[in-house]
Amino acid sequence: MRINGAKFITSAAREEQFLRPDKPMIAVCGRSNAGKSTLINLLAGQKNLAKTSAAPGRTRLVNYFDFGTFLLADLPGYGYAAVSKEEKAKWGRILDAFFANKGDIAHVFLLSDIRRDPSADDLQMVAYLNYHIIPFTVIATKSDKLSRMKAKERVRAVAAGYGLGTANVIAVSGLTGDGKDALIGKIAEILSIG
């Protein structure tokens, strides 16, 4: 599977602005600063398709991207402490409304920094996805920060932390491109099921 010409479509701040996809849609979610924008840029083979920032909490809307055979929805990050309770509540409402249309979602990529154990927010998201029977894969980002041996150890630890098998965790580096082939393989599998 090849990805060419990915492009930004639109942003949505409210439920009535959410796209109703006419092709499979993959949602990207995770804690603030887990590397969602970097992952999108890696998949697209473009440096600035999704805006990246060193400061967490930059994505505050649902951003939609067209990847040709599928849509990708970049969701606001959760768990960022330095925003107001009102802003956190607003993000929570956006996420709830987005996932309410679960029939529109072919799969979810839950991003998690490979160096960290799942947070309470991460586990809450997994419980939510399981409860609503929304298929997902954990993408263990920032694998370039570890040796290959340590990254394999951390994949096992991350999988155990989420109560998953290691086949449900893909280690990826947006910096080096490690794991991109496995990620594209997973997308091909998702599209063949959908």
N, C-alpha and C. Protein backbone atom coordinates (compact mmCIF):
# COMPACT_ATOMS: atom_id res chain seq x y z
N MET A 1 0.84 -1.18 0.00
CA MET A 1 0.00 0.00 0.00
C MET A 1 0.89 1.24 0.00
N ARG A 2 0.56 2.17 -0.89
CA ARG A 2 1.32 3.42 -0.97
C ARG A 2 0.42 4.59 -0.62
N ILE A 3 0.98 5.57 0.07
CA ILE A 3 0.25 6.78 0.41
C ILE A 3 0.88 7.93 -0.34
N ASN A 4 0.10 8.58 -1.18
CA ASN A 4 0.58 9.73 -1.94
C ASN A 4 -0.45 10.85 -1.87
N GLY A 5 0.03 12.07 -1.77
CA GLY A 5 -0.85 13.23 -1.88
C GLY A 5 -1.83 13.42 -0.75
N ALA A 6 -1.47 13.04 0.47
CA ALA A 6 -2.35 13.29 1.61
C ALA A 6 -2.53 14.79 1.77
N LYS A 7 -3.76 15.18 2.16
CA LYS A 7 -4.01 16.62 2.32
C LYS A 7 -4.97 16.89 3.46
N PHE A 8 -4.81 18.07 4.04
CA PHE A 8 -5.70 18.54 5.10
C PHE A 8 -7.05 18.88 4.47
N ILE A 9 -8.14 18.50 5.16
CA ILE A 9 -9.48 18.83 4.64
C ILE A 9 -10.09 19.99 5.42
N THR A 10 -10.30 19.78 6.72
CA THR A 10 -10.98 20.79 7.53
C THR A 10 -10.78 20.50 9.01
N SER A 11 -11.16 21.48 9.84
CA SER A 11 -11.17 21.31 11.30
C SER A 11 -12.60 21.44 11.78
N ALA A 12 -12.91 20.74 12.86
CA ALA A 12 -14.26 20.80 13.44
C ALA A 12 -14.15 21.10 14.93
N ALA A 13 -14.92 22.09 15.38
CA ALA A 13 -14.94 22.46 16.79
C ALA A 13 -16.20 21.95 17.48
N ARG A 14 -17.21 21.61 16.67
CA ARG A 14 -18.50 21.18 17.23
C ARG A 14 -19.01 19.96 16.47
N GLU A 15 -19.90 19.22 17.12
CA GLU A 15 -20.41 17.98 16.55
C GLU A 15 -21.02 18.17 15.16
N GLU A 16 -21.75 19.26 14.97
CA GLU A 16 -22.40 19.46 13.67
C GLU A 16 -21.39 19.71 12.54
N GLN A 17 -20.13 19.96 12.91
CA GLN A 17 -19.09 20.16 11.90
C GLN A 17 -18.33 18.87 11.58
N PHE A 18 -18.57 17.79 12.33
CA PHE A 18 -17.87 16.54 12.08
C PHE A 18 -18.22 16.01 10.69
N LEU A 19 -17.22 15.46 10.01
CA LEU A 19 -17.45 14.87 8.69
C LEU A 19 -18.13 13.52 8.84
N ARG A 20 -19.04 13.23 7.93
CA ARG A 20 -19.61 11.88 7.82
C ARG A 20 -18.88 11.24 6.65
N PRO A 21 -17.92 10.36 6.93
CA PRO A 21 -17.02 9.87 5.88
C PRO A 21 -17.72 8.97 4.86
N ASP A 22 -17.25 9.07 3.61
CA ASP A 22 -17.73 8.19 2.55
C ASP A 22 -16.70 7.10 2.25
N LYS A 23 -15.67 7.03 3.12
CA LYS A 23 -14.66 5.97 3.03
C LYS A 23 -14.19 5.70 4.45
N PRO A 24 -13.42 4.63 4.68
CA PRO A 24 -13.01 4.31 6.05
C PRO A 24 -12.27 5.48 6.72
N MET A 25 -12.56 5.67 8.01
CA MET A 25 -11.91 6.73 8.77
C MET A 25 -11.17 6.12 9.96
N ILE A 26 -9.92 6.53 10.10
CA ILE A 26 -9.09 6.13 11.23
C ILE A 26 -8.90 7.35 12.12
N ALA A 27 -9.18 7.19 13.40
CA ALA A 27 -9.00 8.29 14.36
C ALA A 27 -7.67 8.12 15.07
N VAL A 28 -7.00 9.23 15.33
CA VAL A 28 -5.73 9.23 16.05
C VAL A 28 -5.96 9.99 17.36
N CYS A 29 -5.75 9.29 18.48
CA CYS A 29 -5.96 9.94 19.77
C CYS A 29 -4.82 9.59 20.71
N GLY A 30 -4.76 10.26 21.84
CA GLY A 30 -3.72 10.00 22.82
C GLY A 30 -3.49 11.22 23.69
N ARG A 31 -2.63 11.03 24.67
CA ARG A 31 -2.29 12.14 25.56
C ARG A 31 -1.68 13.29 24.77
N SER A 32 -1.79 14.47 25.32
CA SER A 32 -1.12 15.62 24.73
C SER A 32 0.37 15.33 24.63
N ASN A 33 0.96 15.67 23.52
CA ASN A 33 2.39 15.52 23.27
C ASN A 33 2.83 14.06 23.07
N ALA A 34 1.89 13.19 22.70
CA ALA A 34 2.25 11.79 22.44
C ALA A 34 2.83 11.60 21.04
N GLY A 35 2.68 12.62 20.18
CA GLY A 35 3.25 12.54 18.85
C GLY A 35 2.23 12.32 17.74
N LYS A 36 0.98 12.75 17.95
CA LYS A 36 -0.06 12.54 16.94
C LYS A 36 0.27 13.25 15.63
N SER A 37 0.62 14.52 15.70
CA SER A 37 0.94 15.28 14.48
C SER A 37 2.16 14.70 13.77
N THR A 38 3.16 14.32 14.54
CA THR A 38 4.37 13.72 13.96
C THR A 38 4.03 12.42 13.23
N LEU A 39 3.15 11.62 13.81
CA LEU A 39 2.74 10.36 13.18
C LEU A 39 2.02 10.63 11.86
N ILE A 40 1.14 11.62 11.85
CA ILE A 40 0.41 11.96 10.63
C ILE A 40 1.39 12.39 9.54
N ASN A 41 2.35 13.21 9.91
CA ASN A 41 3.35 13.66 8.94
C ASN A 41 4.19 12.49 8.43
N LEU A 42 4.52 11.55 9.30
CA LEU A 42 5.28 10.36 8.90
C LEU A 42 4.48 9.56 7.86
N LEU A 43 3.21 9.31 8.17
CA LEU A 43 2.37 8.55 7.25
C LEU A 43 2.24 9.25 5.89
N ALA A 44 2.09 10.57 5.94
CA ALA A 44 1.90 11.34 4.71
C ALA A 44 3.19 11.52 3.93
N GLY A 45 4.33 11.32 4.60
CA GLY A 45 5.61 11.59 3.95
C GLY A 45 5.82 13.08 3.71
N GLN A 46 5.21 13.88 4.60
CA GLN A 46 5.32 15.35 4.52
C GLN A 46 5.73 15.87 5.89
N LYS A 47 6.50 16.95 5.90
CA LYS A 47 6.98 17.48 7.17
C LYS A 47 5.95 18.33 7.91
N ASN A 48 5.09 19.02 7.17
CA ASN A 48 4.22 20.00 7.81
C ASN A 48 2.74 19.84 7.49
N LEU A 49 2.29 18.63 7.16
CA LEU A 49 0.87 18.45 6.89
C LEU A 49 0.08 18.73 8.16
N ALA A 50 0.49 18.11 9.26
CA ALA A 50 -0.11 18.38 10.57
C ALA A 50 0.88 19.25 11.35
N LYS A 51 0.39 20.28 11.97
CA LYS A 51 1.26 21.20 12.71
C LYS A 51 1.76 20.54 13.98
N THR A 52 3.08 20.50 14.14
CA THR A 52 3.67 19.94 15.35
C THR A 52 4.10 21.07 16.27
N SER A 53 4.20 20.73 17.55
CA SER A 53 4.61 21.73 18.53
C SER A 53 5.31 21.03 19.68
N ALA A 54 6.32 21.69 20.23
CA ALA A 54 6.98 21.15 21.42
C ALA A 54 6.09 21.30 22.64
N ALA A 55 5.18 22.27 22.57
CA ALA A 55 4.25 22.51 23.69
C ALA A 55 3.05 21.59 23.55
N PRO A 56 2.70 20.83 24.60
CA PRO A 56 1.54 19.96 24.51
C PRO A 56 0.24 20.76 24.48
N GLY A 57 -0.82 20.10 24.02
CA GLY A 57 -2.14 20.72 24.06
C GLY A 57 -2.44 21.64 22.90
N ARG A 58 -1.70 21.51 21.79
CA ARG A 58 -1.90 22.42 20.65
C ARG A 58 -3.14 22.06 19.83
N THR A 59 -3.40 20.77 19.66
CA THR A 59 -4.57 20.37 18.88
C THR A 59 -5.80 20.50 19.75
N ARG A 60 -6.67 21.42 19.38
CA ARG A 60 -7.88 21.67 20.17
C ARG A 60 -9.14 21.40 19.39
N LEU A 61 -8.98 20.99 18.14
CA LEU A 61 -10.11 20.70 17.27
C LEU A 61 -9.94 19.29 16.72
N VAL A 62 -10.96 18.78 16.06
CA VAL A 62 -10.81 17.55 15.30
C VAL A 62 -10.35 17.96 13.91
N ASN A 63 -9.15 17.54 13.53
CA ASN A 63 -8.59 17.89 12.22
C ASN A 63 -8.68 16.67 11.31
N TYR A 64 -9.24 16.89 10.12
CA TYR A 64 -9.45 15.80 9.16
C TYR A 64 -8.44 15.89 8.02
N PHE A 65 -7.91 14.72 7.64
CA PHE A 65 -6.96 14.62 6.54
C PHE A 65 -7.43 13.54 5.58
N ASP A 66 -7.26 13.79 4.29
CA ASP A 66 -7.62 12.82 3.26
C ASP A 66 -6.35 12.10 2.82
N PHE A 67 -6.32 10.79 3.02
CA PHE A 67 -5.18 9.97 2.64
C PHE A 67 -5.49 9.11 1.42
N GLY A 68 -6.46 9.55 0.63
CA GLY A 68 -6.80 8.82 -0.59
C GLY A 68 -7.79 7.71 -0.34
N THR A 69 -7.31 6.57 0.15
CA THR A 69 -8.19 5.43 0.38
C THR A 69 -8.87 5.48 1.75
N PHE A 70 -8.46 6.42 2.59
CA PHE A 70 -9.09 6.56 3.91
C PHE A 70 -8.95 8.01 4.40
N LEU A 71 -9.79 8.35 5.37
CA LEU A 71 -9.67 9.63 6.07
C LEU A 71 -8.98 9.38 7.40
N LEU A 72 -8.30 10.39 7.87
CA LEU A 72 -7.68 10.32 9.18
C LEU A 72 -8.19 11.50 10.00
N ALA A 73 -8.65 11.24 11.21
CA ALA A 73 -9.14 12.29 12.09
C ALA A 73 -8.18 12.42 13.27
N ASP A 74 -7.57 13.59 13.41
CA ASP A 74 -6.64 13.89 14.50
C ASP A 74 -7.44 14.54 15.62
N LEU A 75 -7.52 13.85 16.76
CA LEU A 75 -8.34 14.31 17.88
C LEU A 75 -7.52 15.11 18.88
N PRO A 76 -8.18 16.01 19.63
CA PRO A 76 -7.46 16.75 20.66
C PRO A 76 -6.83 15.79 21.67
N GLY A 77 -5.62 16.12 22.12
CA GLY A 77 -4.96 15.31 23.14
C GLY A 77 -5.66 15.46 24.48
N TYR A 78 -5.50 14.45 25.30
CA TYR A 78 -6.11 14.52 26.64
C TYR A 78 -5.00 14.45 27.69
N GLY A 79 -5.35 14.80 28.92
CA GLY A 79 -4.41 14.64 30.04
C GLY A 79 -3.42 15.77 30.21
N TYR A 80 -3.60 16.90 29.51
CA TYR A 80 -2.65 18.01 29.65
C TYR A 80 -3.10 18.89 30.80
N ALA A 81 -2.27 18.99 31.84
CA ALA A 81 -2.66 19.65 33.09
C ALA A 81 -2.70 21.17 33.00
N ALA A 82 -1.96 21.77 32.08
CA ALA A 82 -1.81 23.22 32.07
C ALA A 82 -2.90 23.96 31.30
N VAL A 83 -4.07 23.33 31.15
CA VAL A 83 -5.20 24.05 30.58
C VAL A 83 -6.30 24.14 31.62
N SER A 84 -7.21 25.07 31.43
CA SER A 84 -8.28 25.28 32.40
C SER A 84 -9.23 24.08 32.44
N LYS A 85 -9.96 23.97 33.54
CA LYS A 85 -10.96 22.89 33.66
C LYS A 85 -12.01 23.03 32.57
N GLU A 86 -12.34 24.27 32.21
CA GLU A 86 -13.34 24.50 31.16
C GLU A 86 -12.84 23.97 29.82
N GLU A 87 -11.55 24.22 29.54
CA GLU A 87 -10.98 23.75 28.28
C GLU A 87 -10.92 22.23 28.25
N LYS A 88 -10.53 21.61 29.38
CA LYS A 88 -10.51 20.15 29.46
C LYS A 88 -11.91 19.57 29.24
N ALA A 89 -12.90 20.21 29.87
CA ALA A 89 -14.28 19.75 29.73
C ALA A 89 -14.74 19.87 28.27
N LYS A 90 -14.34 20.96 27.63
CA LYS A 90 -14.70 21.16 26.21
C LYS A 90 -14.08 20.07 25.35
N TRP A 91 -12.78 19.75 25.57
CA TRP A 91 -12.13 18.68 24.82
C TRP A 91 -12.85 17.35 25.07
N GLY A 92 -13.22 17.11 26.33
CA GLY A 92 -13.94 15.88 26.68
C GLY A 92 -15.26 15.77 25.93
N ARG A 93 -15.98 16.87 25.82
CA ARG A 93 -17.26 16.87 25.10
C ARG A 93 -17.04 16.60 23.60
N ILE A 94 -15.97 17.19 23.05
CA ILE A 94 -15.66 16.96 21.64
C ILE A 94 -15.36 15.47 21.41
N LEU A 95 -14.54 14.88 22.29
CA LEU A 95 -14.20 13.45 22.14
C LEU A 95 -15.44 12.57 22.28
N ASP A 96 -16.28 12.87 23.29
CA ASP A 96 -17.51 12.09 23.48
C ASP A 96 -18.40 12.15 22.25
N ALA A 97 -18.57 13.37 21.72
CA ALA A 97 -19.43 13.55 20.55
C ALA A 97 -18.84 12.83 19.34
N PHE A 98 -17.52 12.91 19.18
CA PHE A 98 -16.87 12.26 18.05
C PHE A 98 -17.10 10.74 18.11
N PHE A 99 -16.84 10.14 19.26
CA PHE A 99 -16.95 8.69 19.38
C PHE A 99 -18.41 8.21 19.43
N ALA A 100 -19.35 9.13 19.62
CA ALA A 100 -20.77 8.75 19.60
C ALA A 100 -21.16 8.23 18.22
N ASN A 101 -20.49 8.71 17.17
CA ASN A 101 -20.73 8.23 15.80
C ASN A 101 -19.76 7.09 15.48
N LYS A 102 -19.75 6.07 16.35
CA LYS A 102 -18.74 5.03 16.20
C LYS A 102 -18.85 4.25 14.90
N GLY A 103 -20.02 4.27 14.28
CA GLY A 103 -20.17 3.61 12.99
C GLY A 103 -19.34 4.26 11.90
N ASP A 104 -18.94 5.53 12.14
CA ASP A 104 -18.11 6.26 11.17
C ASP A 104 -16.63 5.93 11.31
N ILE A 105 -16.26 5.22 12.39
CA ILE A 105 -14.85 5.01 12.71
C ILE A 105 -14.45 3.57 12.40
N ALA A 106 -13.53 3.40 11.46
CA ALA A 106 -13.07 2.06 11.11
C ALA A 106 -12.10 1.52 12.15
N HIS A 107 -11.28 2.42 12.75
CA HIS A 107 -10.24 1.98 13.68
C HIS A 107 -9.71 3.21 14.41
N VAL A 108 -9.13 2.98 15.57
CA VAL A 108 -8.51 4.06 16.34
C VAL A 108 -7.05 3.69 16.58
N PHE A 109 -6.17 4.65 16.34
CA PHE A 109 -4.78 4.52 16.74
C PHE A 109 -4.63 5.32 18.03
N LEU A 110 -4.36 4.61 19.13
CA LEU A 110 -4.14 5.25 20.43
C LEU A 110 -2.64 5.41 20.62
N LEU A 111 -2.18 6.64 20.60
CA LEU A 111 -0.75 6.90 20.71
C LEU A 111 -0.31 6.98 22.16
N SER A 112 0.84 6.38 22.42
CA SER A 112 1.37 6.31 23.77
C SER A 112 2.90 6.36 23.68
N ASP A 113 3.51 7.28 24.41
CA ASP A 113 4.97 7.39 24.44
C ASP A 113 5.54 6.06 24.93
N ILE A 114 6.40 5.43 24.13
CA ILE A 114 6.93 4.10 24.45
C ILE A 114 7.68 4.08 25.78
N ARG A 115 8.19 5.22 26.22
CA ARG A 115 8.99 5.28 27.44
C ARG A 115 8.14 5.34 28.70
N ARG A 116 6.84 5.52 28.54
CA ARG A 116 5.97 5.72 29.70
C ARG A 116 4.93 4.61 29.82
N ASP A 117 4.60 4.26 31.03
CA ASP A 117 3.52 3.33 31.26
C ASP A 117 2.20 4.05 31.01
N PRO A 118 1.14 3.31 30.67
CA PRO A 118 -0.15 3.94 30.43
C PRO A 118 -0.60 4.76 31.64
N SER A 119 -1.11 5.95 31.38
CA SER A 119 -1.63 6.81 32.45
C SER A 119 -3.08 6.41 32.74
N ALA A 120 -3.64 6.98 33.79
CA ALA A 120 -5.05 6.75 34.11
C ALA A 120 -5.93 7.20 32.93
N ASP A 121 -5.56 8.31 32.29
CA ASP A 121 -6.33 8.79 31.12
C ASP A 121 -6.25 7.79 29.97
N ASP A 122 -5.05 7.23 29.74
CA ASP A 122 -4.89 6.23 28.68
C ASP A 122 -5.77 5.00 28.95
N LEU A 123 -5.74 4.54 30.18
CA LEU A 123 -6.52 3.35 30.55
C LEU A 123 -8.02 3.63 30.46
N GLN A 124 -8.40 4.86 30.79
CA GLN A 124 -9.80 5.24 30.66
C GLN A 124 -10.22 5.23 29.18
N MET A 125 -9.33 5.70 28.30
CA MET A 125 -9.63 5.68 26.87
C MET A 125 -9.77 4.25 26.36
N VAL A 126 -8.88 3.35 26.79
CA VAL A 126 -8.97 1.95 26.38
C VAL A 126 -10.26 1.33 26.89
N ALA A 127 -10.63 1.61 28.12
CA ALA A 127 -11.88 1.09 28.68
C ALA A 127 -13.07 1.59 27.85
N TYR A 128 -13.01 2.86 27.47
CA TYR A 128 -14.07 3.47 26.65
C TYR A 128 -14.18 2.77 25.30
N LEU A 129 -13.02 2.58 24.64
CA LEU A 129 -13.01 1.93 23.32
C LEU A 129 -13.50 0.49 23.42
N ASN A 130 -13.08 -0.22 24.46
CA ASN A 130 -13.54 -1.60 24.66
C ASN A 130 -15.03 -1.65 24.92
N TYR A 131 -15.51 -0.76 25.78
CA TYR A 131 -16.94 -0.73 26.14
C TYR A 131 -17.80 -0.50 24.90
N HIS A 132 -17.35 0.41 24.04
CA HIS A 132 -18.12 0.76 22.84
C HIS A 132 -17.77 -0.11 21.63
N ILE A 133 -16.91 -1.11 21.86
CA ILE A 133 -16.50 -2.07 20.83
C ILE A 133 -15.97 -1.34 19.59
N ILE A 134 -15.03 -0.42 19.83
CA ILE A 134 -14.36 0.30 18.75
C ILE A 134 -12.96 -0.30 18.63
N PRO A 135 -12.63 -0.89 17.47
CA PRO A 135 -11.31 -1.52 17.33
C PRO A 135 -10.18 -0.48 17.40
N PHE A 136 -9.08 -0.88 18.04
CA PHE A 136 -7.96 0.05 18.18
C PHE A 136 -6.64 -0.70 18.23
N THR A 137 -5.59 0.06 17.94
CA THR A 137 -4.21 -0.41 18.06
C THR A 137 -3.44 0.65 18.82
N VAL A 138 -2.58 0.23 19.74
CA VAL A 138 -1.72 1.18 20.45
C VAL A 138 -0.48 1.41 19.59
N ILE A 139 -0.18 2.67 19.34
CA ILE A 139 1.02 3.05 18.61
C ILE A 139 2.00 3.61 19.65
N ALA A 140 3.07 2.87 19.90
CA ALA A 140 4.08 3.28 20.87
C ALA A 140 5.07 4.20 20.17
N THR A 141 4.91 5.50 20.40
CA THR A 141 5.69 6.51 19.68
C THR A 141 7.05 6.75 20.33
N LYS A 142 7.87 7.48 19.59
CA LYS A 142 9.18 7.94 20.06
C LYS A 142 10.14 6.79 20.33
N SER A 143 10.02 5.72 19.52
CA SER A 143 10.88 4.54 19.73
C SER A 143 12.35 4.85 19.48
N ASP A 144 12.64 5.94 18.75
CA ASP A 144 14.03 6.31 18.50
C ASP A 144 14.76 6.73 19.76
N LYS A 145 14.03 7.01 20.83
CA LYS A 145 14.64 7.42 22.10
C LYS A 145 15.25 6.24 22.85
N LEU A 146 15.00 5.01 22.35
CA LEU A 146 15.48 3.80 23.02
C LEU A 146 16.28 2.94 22.05
N SER A 147 17.13 2.07 22.59
CA SER A 147 17.81 1.08 21.75
C SER A 147 16.75 0.09 21.24
N ARG A 148 17.08 -0.65 20.20
CA ARG A 148 16.12 -1.62 19.65
C ARG A 148 15.72 -2.66 20.71
N MET A 149 16.70 -3.12 21.48
CA MET A 149 16.42 -4.11 22.52
C MET A 149 15.47 -3.53 23.57
N LYS A 150 15.78 -2.31 24.01
CA LYS A 150 14.95 -1.66 25.03
C LYS A 150 13.55 -1.37 24.47
N ALA A 151 13.47 -1.00 23.18
CA ALA A 151 12.16 -0.74 22.57
C ALA A 151 11.31 -2.01 22.57
N LYS A 152 11.93 -3.17 22.29
CA LYS A 152 11.17 -4.44 22.32
C LYS A 152 10.67 -4.73 23.73
N GLU A 153 11.52 -4.48 24.73
CA GLU A 153 11.11 -4.66 26.13
C GLU A 153 9.93 -3.76 26.46
N ARG A 154 10.02 -2.50 26.02
CA ARG A 154 8.97 -1.52 26.32
C ARG A 154 7.67 -1.85 25.59
N VAL A 155 7.74 -2.42 24.38
CA VAL A 155 6.52 -2.84 23.69
C VAL A 155 5.79 -3.89 24.54
N ARG A 156 6.57 -4.84 25.10
CA ARG A 156 5.96 -5.85 25.97
C ARG A 156 5.35 -5.21 27.21
N ALA A 157 6.07 -4.25 27.79
CA ALA A 157 5.58 -3.57 29.00
C ALA A 157 4.34 -2.73 28.71
N VAL A 158 4.35 -2.02 27.59
CA VAL A 158 3.19 -1.19 27.20
C VAL A 158 1.98 -2.09 26.95
N ALA A 159 2.19 -3.19 26.22
CA ALA A 159 1.10 -4.13 25.95
C ALA A 159 0.52 -4.66 27.26
N ALA A 160 1.40 -5.06 28.17
CA ALA A 160 0.93 -5.57 29.47
C ALA A 160 0.19 -4.50 30.25
N GLY A 161 0.69 -3.27 30.19
CA GLY A 161 0.04 -2.16 30.90
C GLY A 161 -1.37 -1.91 30.42
N TYR A 162 -1.60 -2.12 29.13
CA TYR A 162 -2.93 -1.93 28.55
C TYR A 162 -3.77 -3.21 28.59
N GLY A 163 -3.15 -4.32 29.01
CA GLY A 163 -3.87 -5.60 29.01
C GLY A 163 -4.07 -6.15 27.60
N LEU A 164 -3.08 -5.91 26.73
CA LEU A 164 -3.15 -6.33 25.33
C LEU A 164 -2.02 -7.30 25.00
N GLY A 165 -2.14 -7.96 23.87
CA GLY A 165 -1.04 -8.75 23.35
C GLY A 165 -0.08 -7.83 22.61
N THR A 166 1.17 -8.26 22.45
CA THR A 166 2.16 -7.42 21.77
C THR A 166 1.80 -7.17 20.31
N ALA A 167 0.97 -8.02 19.70
CA ALA A 167 0.56 -7.80 18.31
C ALA A 167 -0.34 -6.56 18.18
N ASN A 168 -0.86 -6.10 19.30
CA ASN A 168 -1.73 -4.91 19.29
C ASN A 168 -0.98 -3.63 19.61
N VAL A 169 0.35 -3.70 19.62
CA VAL A 169 1.18 -2.52 19.88
C VAL A 169 2.22 -2.43 18.76
N ILE A 170 2.30 -1.27 18.13
CA ILE A 170 3.30 -1.04 17.08
C ILE A 170 4.22 0.08 17.53
N ALA A 171 5.52 -0.21 17.60
CA ALA A 171 6.51 0.81 17.96
C ALA A 171 6.87 1.61 16.70
N VAL A 172 6.82 2.95 16.84
CA VAL A 172 7.04 3.83 15.69
C VAL A 172 7.92 5.00 16.11
N SER A 173 8.74 5.44 15.17
CA SER A 173 9.50 6.68 15.36
C SER A 173 9.19 7.63 14.21
N GLY A 174 8.66 8.78 14.54
CA GLY A 174 8.43 9.80 13.52
C GLY A 174 9.73 10.41 13.03
N LEU A 175 10.77 10.28 13.82
CA LEU A 175 12.08 10.86 13.47
C LEU A 175 12.83 9.99 12.47
N THR A 176 12.91 8.68 12.76
CA THR A 176 13.69 7.77 11.91
C THR A 176 12.83 7.01 10.90
N GLY A 177 11.53 6.97 11.12
CA GLY A 177 10.65 6.20 10.24
C GLY A 177 10.53 4.74 10.63
N ASP A 178 11.24 4.32 11.69
CA ASP A 178 11.11 2.93 12.16
C ASP A 178 9.64 2.64 12.48
N GLY A 179 9.16 1.50 12.06
CA GLY A 179 7.79 1.10 12.33
C GLY A 179 6.77 1.57 11.31
N LYS A 180 7.19 2.42 10.37
CA LYS A 180 6.24 2.94 9.37
C LYS A 180 5.65 1.81 8.53
N ASP A 181 6.49 0.86 8.12
CA ASP A 181 6.00 -0.24 7.29
C ASP A 181 4.95 -1.06 8.04
N ALA A 182 5.21 -1.33 9.32
CA ALA A 182 4.24 -2.09 10.13
C ALA A 182 2.94 -1.30 10.27
N LEU A 183 3.05 0.00 10.42
CA LEU A 183 1.87 0.86 10.55
C LEU A 183 1.06 0.86 9.24
N ILE A 184 1.75 0.98 8.12
CA ILE A 184 1.06 0.95 6.83
C ILE A 184 0.43 -0.42 6.59
N GLY A 185 1.12 -1.47 7.04
CA GLY A 185 0.55 -2.82 6.94
C GLY A 185 -0.73 -2.93 7.75
N LYS A 186 -0.75 -2.32 8.92
CA LYS A 186 -1.95 -2.33 9.77
C LYS A 186 -3.08 -1.58 9.08
N ILE A 187 -2.76 -0.44 8.47
CA ILE A 187 -3.79 0.33 7.76
C ILE A 187 -4.36 -0.49 6.61
N ALA A 188 -3.49 -1.18 5.86
CA ALA A 188 -3.96 -2.03 4.76
C ALA A 188 -4.90 -3.10 5.27
N GLU A 189 -4.56 -3.68 6.43
CA GLU A 189 -5.42 -4.70 7.05
C GLU A 189 -6.77 -4.09 7.44
N ILE A 190 -6.76 -2.90 8.04
CA ILE A 190 -8.00 -2.22 8.43
C ILE A 190 -8.87 -1.96 7.21
N LEU A 191 -8.27 -1.49 6.13
CA LEU A 191 -9.03 -1.17 4.92
C LEU A 191 -9.60 -2.42 4.27
N SER A 192 -8.89 -3.54 4.39
CA SER A 192 -9.40 -4.79 3.78
C SER A 192 -10.58 -5.34 4.56
N ILE A 193 -10.62 -5.05 5.87
CA ILE A 193 -11.75 -5.50 6.71
C ILE A 193 -12.95 -4.60 6.48
N GLY A 194 -12.66 -3.27 6.40
CA GLY A 194 -13.74 -2.27 6.25
C GLY A 194 -14.36 -2.37 4.89
